[in-house]
């Protein structure tokens, strides 16, 4: 069986490896007073919005729902 990953998924996997995002969040205490989104969720949403040139929240939510890993 061939398993293909979307381009967006491939970009996210390189960011997780290269930037070591979780360590940076912990180092700078970015989620210290967070009540809603985690930093990683916000990063993924903002990247998708920018790369897809989405204009509305509905476009972002629909696009991310299609790209679930």
PDB file of N, CA and C in Angstrom:
ATOM      1  N   UNK A   1       0.839  -1.180   0.000  1.00  0.00           N
ATOM      2  CA  UNK A   1       0.000   0.000   0.000  1.00  0.00           C
ATOM      3  C   UNK A   1       0.886   1.247   0.000  1.00  0.00           C
ATOM      4  N   UNK A   2       0.566   2.173  -0.841  1.00  0.00           N
ATOM      5  CA  UNK A   2       1.314   3.425  -0.929  1.00  0.00           C
ATOM      6  C   UNK A   2       0.610   4.469  -0.067  1.00  0.00           C
ATOM      7  N   UNK A   3       1.393   5.108   0.795  1.00  0.00           N
ATOM      8  CA  UNK A   3       0.846   6.163   1.649  1.00  0.00           C
ATOM      9  C   UNK A   3       1.486   7.479   1.232  1.00  0.00           C
ATOM     10  N   UNK A   4       0.667   8.416   0.788  1.00  0.00           N
ATOM     11  CA  UNK A   4       1.178   9.706   0.338  1.00  0.00           C
ATOM     12  C   UNK A   4       0.847  10.786   1.360  1.00  0.00           C
ATOM     13  N   UNK A   5       1.763  11.678   1.580  1.00  0.00           N
ATOM     14  CA  UNK A   5       1.558  12.797   2.497  1.00  0.00           C
ATOM     15  C   UNK A   5       1.351  14.068   1.679  1.00  0.00           C
ATOM     16  N   UNK A   6       0.472  14.920   2.164  1.00  0.00           N
ATOM     17  CA  UNK A   6       0.233  16.175   1.470  1.00  0.00           C
ATOM     18  C   UNK A   6       1.459  17.085   1.588  1.00  0.00           C
ATOM     19  N   UNK A   7       1.523  18.051   0.725  1.00  0.00           N
ATOM     20  CA  UNK A   7       2.640  18.996   0.756  1.00  0.00           C
ATOM     21  C   UNK A   7       2.669  19.743   2.081  1.00  0.00           C
ATOM     22  N   UNK A   8       1.502  20.106   2.584  1.00  0.00           N
ATOM     23  CA  UNK A   8       1.421  20.805   3.856  1.00  0.00           C
ATOM     24  C   UNK A   8       1.955  19.931   4.993  1.00  0.00           C
ATOM     25  N   UNK A   9       1.608  18.662   4.982  1.00  0.00           N
ATOM     26  CA  UNK A   9       2.108  17.729   5.983  1.00  0.00           C
ATOM     27  C   UNK A   9       3.628  17.588   5.912  1.00  0.00           C
ATOM     28  N   UNK A  10       4.176  17.576   4.720  1.00  0.00           N
ATOM     29  CA  UNK A  10       5.621  17.481   4.548  1.00  0.00           C
ATOM     30  C   UNK A  10       6.321  18.727   5.078  1.00  0.00           C
ATOM     31  N   UNK A  11       5.739  19.885   4.846  1.00  0.00           N
ATOM     32  CA  UNK A  11       6.312  21.135   5.357  1.00  0.00           C
ATOM     33  C   UNK A  11       6.309  21.131   6.882  1.00  0.00           C
ATOM     34  N   UNK A  12       5.200  20.702   7.476  1.00  0.00           N
ATOM     35  CA  UNK A  12       5.106  20.650   8.938  1.00  0.00           C
ATOM     36  C   UNK A  12       6.123  19.689   9.532  1.00  0.00           C
ATOM     37  N   UNK A  13       6.355  18.577   8.885  1.00  0.00           N
ATOM     38  CA  UNK A  13       7.319  17.616   9.433  1.00  0.00           C
ATOM     39  C   UNK A  13       8.737  18.183   9.415  1.00  0.00           C
ATOM     40  N   UNK A  14       9.091  18.969   8.421  1.00  0.00           N
ATOM     41  CA  UNK A  14      10.429  19.562   8.391  1.00  0.00           C
ATOM     42  C   UNK A  14      10.560  20.662   9.446  1.00  0.00           C
ATOM     43  N   UNK A  15       9.505  21.387   9.707  1.00  0.00           N
ATOM     44  CA  UNK A  15       9.550  22.435  10.724  1.00  0.00           C
ATOM     45  C   UNK A  15       9.726  21.820  12.105  1.00  0.00           C
ATOM     46  N   UNK A  16       9.014  20.733  12.377  1.00  0.00           N
ATOM     47  CA  UNK A  16       9.125  20.083  13.684  1.00  0.00           C
ATOM     48  C   UNK A  16      10.534  19.563  13.917  1.00  0.00           C
ATOM     49  N   UNK A  17      11.156  19.051  12.874  1.00  0.00           N
ATOM     50  CA  UNK A  17      12.504  18.510  13.017  1.00  0.00           C
ATOM     51  C   UNK A  17      13.533  19.636  13.110  1.00  0.00           C
ATOM     52  N   UNK A  18      13.442  20.609  12.228  1.00  0.00           N
ATOM     53  CA  UNK A  18      14.478  21.639  12.115  1.00  0.00           C
ATOM     54  C   UNK A  18      14.438  22.640  13.271  1.00  0.00           C
ATOM     55  N   UNK A  19      13.299  23.118  13.642  1.00  0.00           N
ATOM     56  CA  UNK A  19      13.215  24.214  14.608  1.00  0.00           C
ATOM     57  C   UNK A  19      13.109  23.752  16.054  1.00  0.00           C
ATOM     58  N   UNK A  20      12.775  22.469  16.262  1.00  0.00           N
ATOM     59  CA  UNK A  20      12.603  21.951  17.613  1.00  0.00           C
ATOM     60  C   UNK A  20      11.662  22.859  18.397  1.00  0.00           C
ATOM     61  N   UNK A  21      10.485  23.012  17.835  1.00  0.00           N
ATOM     62  CA  UNK A  21       9.500  23.985  18.285  1.00  0.00           C
ATOM     63  C   UNK A  21       9.113  23.812  19.754  1.00  0.00           C
ATOM     64  N   UNK A  22       8.920  22.586  20.197  1.00  0.00           N
ATOM     65  CA  UNK A  22       8.498  22.357  21.585  1.00  0.00           C
ATOM     66  C   UNK A  22       9.528  22.870  22.593  1.00  0.00           C
ATOM     67  N   UNK A  23      10.793  22.694  22.284  1.00  0.00           N
ATOM     68  CA  UNK A  23      11.845  23.185  23.189  1.00  0.00           C
ATOM     69  C   UNK A  23      11.857  24.705  23.261  1.00  0.00           C
ATOM     70  N   UNK A  24      11.618  25.357  22.122  1.00  0.00           N
ATOM     71  CA  UNK A  24      11.580  26.823  22.111  1.00  0.00           C
ATOM     72  C   UNK A  24      10.396  27.354  22.910  1.00  0.00           C
ATOM     73  N   UNK A  25       9.249  26.692  22.779  1.00  0.00           N
ATOM     74  CA  UNK A  25       8.070  27.115  23.536  1.00  0.00           C
ATOM     75  C   UNK A  25       8.326  26.990  25.033  1.00  0.00           C
ATOM     76  N   UNK A  26       8.928  25.889  25.434  1.00  0.00           N
ATOM     77  CA  UNK A  26       9.233  25.685  26.858  1.00  0.00           C
ATOM     78  C   UNK A  26      10.274  26.682  27.354  1.00  0.00           C
ATOM     79  N   UNK A  27      11.288  26.928  26.544  1.00  0.00           N
ATOM     80  CA  UNK A  27      12.369  27.839  26.941  1.00  0.00           C
ATOM     81  C   UNK A  27      11.846  29.251  27.194  1.00  0.00           C
ATOM     82  N   UNK A  28      10.949  29.721  26.342  1.00  0.00           N
ATOM     83  CA  UNK A  28      10.443  31.092  26.436  1.00  0.00           C
ATOM     84  C   UNK A  28       9.115  31.183  27.189  1.00  0.00           C
ATOM     85  N   UNK A  29       8.660  30.048  27.734  1.00  0.00           N
ATOM     86  CA  UNK A  29       7.407  29.995  28.489  1.00  0.00           C
ATOM     87  C   UNK A  29       6.256  30.630  27.716  1.00  0.00           C
ATOM     88  N   UNK A  30       6.137  30.278  26.454  1.00  0.00           N
ATOM     89  CA  UNK A  30       5.140  30.887  25.575  1.00  0.00           C
ATOM     90  C   UNK A  30       3.711  30.499  25.954  1.00  0.00           C
ATOM     91  N   UNK A  31       3.532  29.358  26.611  1.00  0.00           N
ATOM     92  CA  UNK A  31       2.184  28.919  26.959  1.00  0.00           C
ATOM     93  C   UNK A  31       1.886  29.095  28.445  1.00  0.00           C
ATOM     94  N   UNK A  32       2.611  29.958  29.086  1.00  0.00           N
ATOM     95  CA  UNK A  32       2.485  30.139  30.534  1.00  0.00           C
ATOM     96  C   UNK A  32       1.065  30.548  30.933  1.00  0.00           C
ATOM     97  N   UNK A  33       0.488  31.508  30.273  1.00  0.00           N
ATOM     98  CA  UNK A  33      -0.849  31.998  30.602  1.00  0.00           C
ATOM     99  C   UNK A  33      -1.862  31.708  29.506  1.00  0.00           C
ATOM    100  N   UNK A  34      -1.573  30.743  28.641  1.00  0.00           N
ATOM    101  CA  UNK A  34      -2.475  30.422  27.535  1.00  0.00           C
ATOM    102  C   UNK A  34      -3.744  29.757  28.053  1.00  0.00           C
ATOM    103  N   UNK A  35      -4.867  30.138  27.484  1.00  0.00           N
ATOM    104  CA  UNK A  35      -6.144  29.570  27.903  1.00  0.00           C
ATOM    105  C   UNK A  35      -6.835  28.808  26.784  1.00  0.00           C
ATOM    106  N   UNK A  36      -6.425  29.026  25.546  1.00  0.00           N
ATOM    107  CA  UNK A  36      -7.102  28.383  24.426  1.00  0.00           C
ATOM    108  C   UNK A  36      -6.172  27.523  23.609  1.00  0.00           C
ATOM    109  N   UNK A  37      -5.678  28.085  22.537  1.00  0.00           N
ATOM    110  CA  UNK A  37      -4.804  27.358  21.617  1.00  0.00           C
ATOM    111  C   UNK A  37      -3.430  27.106  22.225  1.00  0.00           C
ATOM    112  N   UNK A  38      -2.854  25.966  21.849  1.00  0.00           N
ATOM    113  CA  UNK A  38      -1.444  25.735  22.144  1.00  0.00           C
ATOM    114  C   UNK A  38      -0.638  26.446  21.067  1.00  0.00           C
ATOM    115  N   UNK A  39       0.610  26.694  21.331  1.00  0.00           N
ATOM    116  CA  UNK A  39       1.468  27.398  20.379  1.00  0.00           C
ATOM    117  C   UNK A  39       1.598  26.639  19.066  1.00  0.00           C
ATOM    118  N   UNK A  40       1.724  25.325  19.143  1.00  0.00           N
ATOM    119  CA  UNK A  40       1.870  24.515  17.927  1.00  0.00           C
ATOM    120  C   UNK A  40       0.615  24.588  17.062  1.00  0.00           C
ATOM    121  N   UNK A  41      -0.558  24.565  17.689  1.00  0.00           N
ATOM    122  CA  UNK A  41      -1.815  24.657  16.947  1.00  0.00           C
ATOM    123  C   UNK A  41      -1.926  26.002  16.248  1.00  0.00           C
ATOM    124  N   UNK A  42      -1.522  27.048  16.930  1.00  0.00           N
ATOM    125  CA  UNK A  42      -1.577  28.369  16.329  1.00  0.00           C
ATOM    126  C   UNK A  42      -0.584  28.491  15.175  1.00  0.00           C
ATOM    127  N   UNK A  43       0.600  27.930  15.321  1.00  0.00           N
ATOM    128  CA  UNK A  43       1.589  27.952  14.247  1.00  0.00           C
ATOM    129  C   UNK A  43       1.063  27.245  13.010  1.00  0.00           C
ATOM    130  N   UNK A  44       0.482  26.063  13.197  1.00  0.00           N
ATOM    131  CA  UNK A  44      -0.049  25.305  12.062  1.00  0.00           C
ATOM    132  C   UNK A  44      -1.170  26.079  11.381  1.00  0.00           C
ATOM    133  N   UNK A  45      -2.057  26.665  12.160  1.00  0.00           N
ATOM    134  CA  UNK A  45      -3.165  27.441  11.594  1.00  0.00           C
ATOM    135  C   UNK A  45      -2.670  28.644  10.801  1.00  0.00           C
ATOM    136  N   UNK A  46      -1.709  29.363  11.360  1.00  0.00           N
ATOM    137  CA  UNK A  46      -1.182  30.547  10.674  1.00  0.00           C
ATOM    138  C   UNK A  46      -0.420  30.173   9.399  1.00  0.00           C
ATOM    139  N   UNK A  47       0.334  29.085   9.439  1.00  0.00           N
ATOM    140  CA  UNK A  47       1.035  28.626   8.233  1.00  0.00           C
ATOM    141  C   UNK A  47       0.048  28.226   7.152  1.00  0.00           C
ATOM    142  N   UNK A  48      -0.986  27.490   7.537  1.00  0.00           N
ATOM    143  CA  UNK A  48      -1.992  27.080   6.559  1.00  0.00           C
ATOM    144  C   UNK A  48      -2.675  28.299   5.951  1.00  0.00           C
ATOM    145  N   UNK A  49      -3.038  29.238   6.792  1.00  0.00           N
ATOM    146  CA  UNK A  49      -3.705  30.461   6.319  1.00  0.00           C
ATOM    147  C   UNK A  49      -2.835  31.191   5.312  1.00  0.00           C
ATOM    148  N   UNK A  50      -1.560  31.305   5.608  1.00  0.00           N
ATOM    149  CA  UNK A  50      -0.649  32.023   4.726  1.00  0.00           C
ATOM    150  C   UNK A  50      -0.413  31.270   3.420  1.00  0.00           C
ATOM    151  N   UNK A  51      -0.141  29.972   3.509  1.00  0.00           N
ATOM    152  CA  UNK A  51       0.163  29.194   2.305  1.00  0.00           C
ATOM    153  C   UNK A  51      -1.058  28.994   1.417  1.00  0.00           C
ATOM    154  N   UNK A  52      -2.244  28.863   2.012  1.00  0.00           N
ATOM    155  CA  UNK A  52      -3.459  28.651   1.232  1.00  0.00           C
ATOM    156  C   UNK A  52      -4.100  29.970   0.798  1.00  0.00           C
ATOM    157  N   UNK A  53      -3.573  31.078   1.283  1.00  0.00           N
ATOM    158  CA  UNK A  53      -4.141  32.400   1.014  1.00  0.00           C
ATOM    159  C   UNK A  53      -5.628  32.433   1.362  1.00  0.00           C
ATOM    160  N   UNK A  54      -5.945  31.859   2.520  1.00  0.00           N
ATOM    161  CA  UNK A  54      -7.324  31.790   2.980  1.00  0.00           C
ATOM    162  C   UNK A  54      -7.788  33.163   3.452  1.00  0.00           C
ATOM    163  N   UNK A  55      -9.034  33.474   3.158  1.00  0.00           N
ATOM    164  CA  UNK A  55      -9.587  34.782   3.509  1.00  0.00           C
ATOM    165  C   UNK A  55     -10.518  34.739   4.716  1.00  0.00           C
ATOM    166  N   UNK A  56     -10.981  33.559   5.086  1.00  0.00           N
ATOM    167  CA  UNK A  56     -11.931  33.492   6.192  1.00  0.00           C
ATOM    168  C   UNK A  56     -11.600  32.333   7.123  1.00  0.00           C
ATOM    169  N   UNK A  57     -12.154  32.400   8.306  1.00  0.00           N
ATOM    170  CA  UNK A  57     -11.959  31.340   9.282  1.00  0.00           C
ATOM    171  C   UNK A  57     -12.565  30.034   8.788  1.00  0.00           C
ATOM    172  N   UNK A  58     -13.660  30.126   8.059  1.00  0.00           N
ATOM    173  CA  UNK A  58     -14.295  28.927   7.518  1.00  0.00           C
ATOM    174  C   UNK A  58     -13.381  28.220   6.523  1.00  0.00           C
ATOM    175  N   UNK A  59     -12.684  28.966   5.683  1.00  0.00           N
ATOM    176  CA  UNK A  59     -11.730  28.366   4.743  1.00  0.00           C
ATOM    177  C   UNK A  59     -10.591  27.671   5.496  1.00  0.00           C
ATOM    178  N   UNK A  60     -10.086  28.308   6.536  1.00  0.00           N
ATOM    179  CA  UNK A  60      -8.999  27.724   7.322  1.00  0.00           C
ATOM    180  C   UNK A  60      -9.468  26.444   8.000  1.00  0.00           C
ATOM    181  N   UNK A  61     -10.627  26.484   8.653  1.00  0.00           N
ATOM    182  CA  UNK A  61     -11.141  25.306   9.370  1.00  0.00           C
ATOM    183  C   UNK A  61     -11.423  24.162   8.402  1.00  0.00           C
ATOM    184  N   UNK A  62     -12.015  24.461   7.252  1.00  0.00           N
ATOM    185  CA  UNK A  62     -12.290  23.424   6.261  1.00  0.00           C
ATOM    186  C   UNK A  62     -11.033  22.828   5.682  1.00  0.00           C
ATOM    187  N   UNK A  63     -10.061  23.654   5.394  1.00  0.00           N
ATOM    188  CA  UNK A  63      -8.801  23.170   4.847  1.00  0.00           C
ATOM    189  C   UNK A  63      -8.017  22.330   5.828  1.00  0.00           C
ATOM    190  N   UNK A  64      -7.998  22.746   7.089  1.00  0.00           N
ATOM    191  CA  UNK A  64      -7.281  21.970   8.107  1.00  0.00           C
ATOM    192  C   UNK A  64      -7.999  20.652   8.399  1.00  0.00           C
ATOM    193  N   UNK A  65      -9.317  20.643   8.290  1.00  0.00           N
ATOM    194  CA  UNK A  65     -10.063  19.389   8.514  1.00  0.00           C
ATOM    195  C   UNK A  65      -9.716  18.359   7.453  1.00  0.00           C
ATOM    196  N   UNK A  66      -9.416  18.806   6.248  1.00  0.00           N
ATOM    197  CA  UNK A  66      -9.042  17.877   5.169  1.00  0.00           C
ATOM    198  C   UNK A  66      -7.617  17.355   5.342  1.00  0.00           C
ATOM    199  N   UNK A  67      -6.778  18.070   6.063  1.00  0.00           N
ATOM    200  CA  UNK A  67      -5.360  17.716   6.175  1.00  0.00           C
ATOM    201  C   UNK A  67      -5.010  16.997   7.467  1.00  0.00           C
ATOM    202  N   UNK A  68      -5.969  16.487   8.186  1.00  0.00           N
ATOM    203  CA  UNK A  68      -5.657  15.817   9.454  1.00  0.00           C
ATOM    204  C   UNK A  68      -4.716  14.654   9.214  1.00  0.00           C
ATOM    205  N   UNK A  69      -3.758  14.521  10.115  1.00  0.00           N
ATOM    206  CA  UNK A  69      -2.769  13.436  10.002  1.00  0.00           C
ATOM    207  C   UNK A  69      -3.284  12.182  10.638  1.00  0.00           C
TER     208      UNK A  69
END
